[in-house]
Amino acid sequence: MIVSATFAKATAQVWKNIDVPEGSTVRDVLLRSGLLDQFPEIDLEINKVGIFGSIVKLDKPVKEGDRVEIYRPIHPDAELLEKR
């Protein structure tokens, strides 16, 4: 089944389609996606994850077409930092 995984930061945005077996979890998708290797700053113990904008646990099963998202912490002054 095809799902996608995505991560974005100020300097890069990545969206990958991944073929995973039925019964795969959010964790399975993220491990298969390569995003954890591509962005070593991602820590699944710290970063929240979700499907289509709703936060979920890593053991949540995914369905065909789901978009698994990794959320980065937002700095309290993020808006000010981007304007510099």
Protein backbone atom coordinates (compact mmCIF):
# COMPACT_ATOMS: atom_id res chain seq x y z
CA MET A 1 0.00 0.00 0.00
CA ILE A 2 1.24 3.48 -0.78
CA VAL A 3 1.56 6.09 1.99
CA SER A 4 3.70 9.19 2.24
CA ALA A 5 6.07 10.62 4.80
CA THR A 6 6.98 14.27 5.12
CA PHE A 7 9.24 16.58 7.11
CA ALA A 8 9.84 20.29 6.70
CA LYS A 9 12.20 22.82 8.15
CA ALA A 10 13.14 26.33 7.08
CA THR A 11 15.78 25.15 4.63
CA ALA A 12 14.29 21.89 3.29
CA GLN A 13 10.98 20.18 2.71
CA VAL A 14 10.73 16.49 1.81
CA TRP A 15 7.68 14.46 0.83
CA LYS A 16 8.22 10.81 -0.10
CA ASN A 17 5.79 8.15 -1.30
CA ILE A 18 6.55 4.77 0.24
CA ASP A 19 5.21 1.28 -0.43
CA VAL A 20 4.63 -0.48 2.89
CA PRO A 21 2.97 -3.78 3.77
CA GLU A 22 -0.55 -3.89 5.21
CA GLY A 23 -0.44 -3.55 9.00
CA SER A 24 2.49 -1.10 8.97
CA THR A 25 2.65 1.53 11.68
CA VAL A 26 3.68 5.17 11.67
CA ARG A 27 7.07 4.06 13.03
CA ASP A 28 7.45 1.54 10.19
CA VAL A 29 6.72 4.23 7.60
CA LEU A 30 9.24 6.63 9.11
CA LEU A 31 11.96 3.99 9.34
CA ARG A 32 11.37 2.94 5.72
CA SER A 33 11.20 6.54 4.45
CA GLY A 34 14.86 7.37 5.07
CA LEU A 35 13.88 10.69 6.67
CA LEU A 36 15.56 9.75 9.95
CA ASP A 37 18.87 9.24 8.11
CA GLN A 38 18.42 12.34 5.96
CA PHE A 39 17.62 14.55 8.97
CA PRO A 40 19.61 13.29 11.98
CA GLU A 41 18.13 16.05 14.13
CA ILE A 42 14.82 14.16 14.17
CA ASP A 43 14.37 12.34 17.47
CA LEU A 44 11.18 10.30 17.64
CA GLU A 45 11.33 10.50 21.44
CA ILE A 46 11.02 14.31 21.16
CA ASN A 47 9.42 15.16 17.80
CA LYS A 48 5.69 14.67 17.59
CA VAL A 49 4.25 12.79 14.61
CA GLY A 50 0.86 12.84 12.96
CA ILE A 51 -1.31 11.82 10.07
CA PHE A 52 -2.90 14.64 8.06
CA GLY A 53 -2.31 17.16 10.87
CA SER A 54 -3.60 15.03 13.77
CA ILE A 55 -1.00 13.93 16.31
CA VAL A 56 -0.78 10.14 16.65
CA LYS A 57 1.40 7.59 18.42
CA LEU A 58 4.19 5.79 16.61
CA ASP A 59 2.36 2.45 16.89
CA LYS A 60 -0.76 3.68 15.05
CA PRO A 61 -1.46 1.55 11.96
CA VAL A 62 -1.49 3.45 8.67
CA LYS A 63 -3.98 3.17 5.81
CA GLU A 64 -3.56 3.48 2.06
CA GLY A 65 -3.00 7.14 1.16
CA ASP A 66 -2.11 8.36 4.67
CA ARG A 67 0.43 11.19 4.96
CA VAL A 68 2.70 10.63 7.97
CA GLU A 69 4.18 13.90 9.20
CA ILE A 70 7.06 14.66 11.53
CA TYR A 71 6.62 17.90 13.44
CA ARG A 72 9.57 19.92 14.61
CA PRO A 73 9.49 21.91 17.82
CA ILE A 74 8.51 25.52 17.23
CA HIS A 75 10.78 28.07 18.86
CA PRO A 76 8.76 30.68 20.80
CA ASP A 77 10.39 33.45 18.76
CA ALA A 78 10.23 31.60 15.40
CA GLU A 79 8.41 34.41 13.63
CA LEU A 80 10.98 36.95 14.78
CA LEU A 81 13.92 34.69 13.87
CA GLU A 82 12.70 34.18 10.29
CA LYS A 83 12.49 37.95 9.69
CA ARG A 84 16.17 38.45 10.51
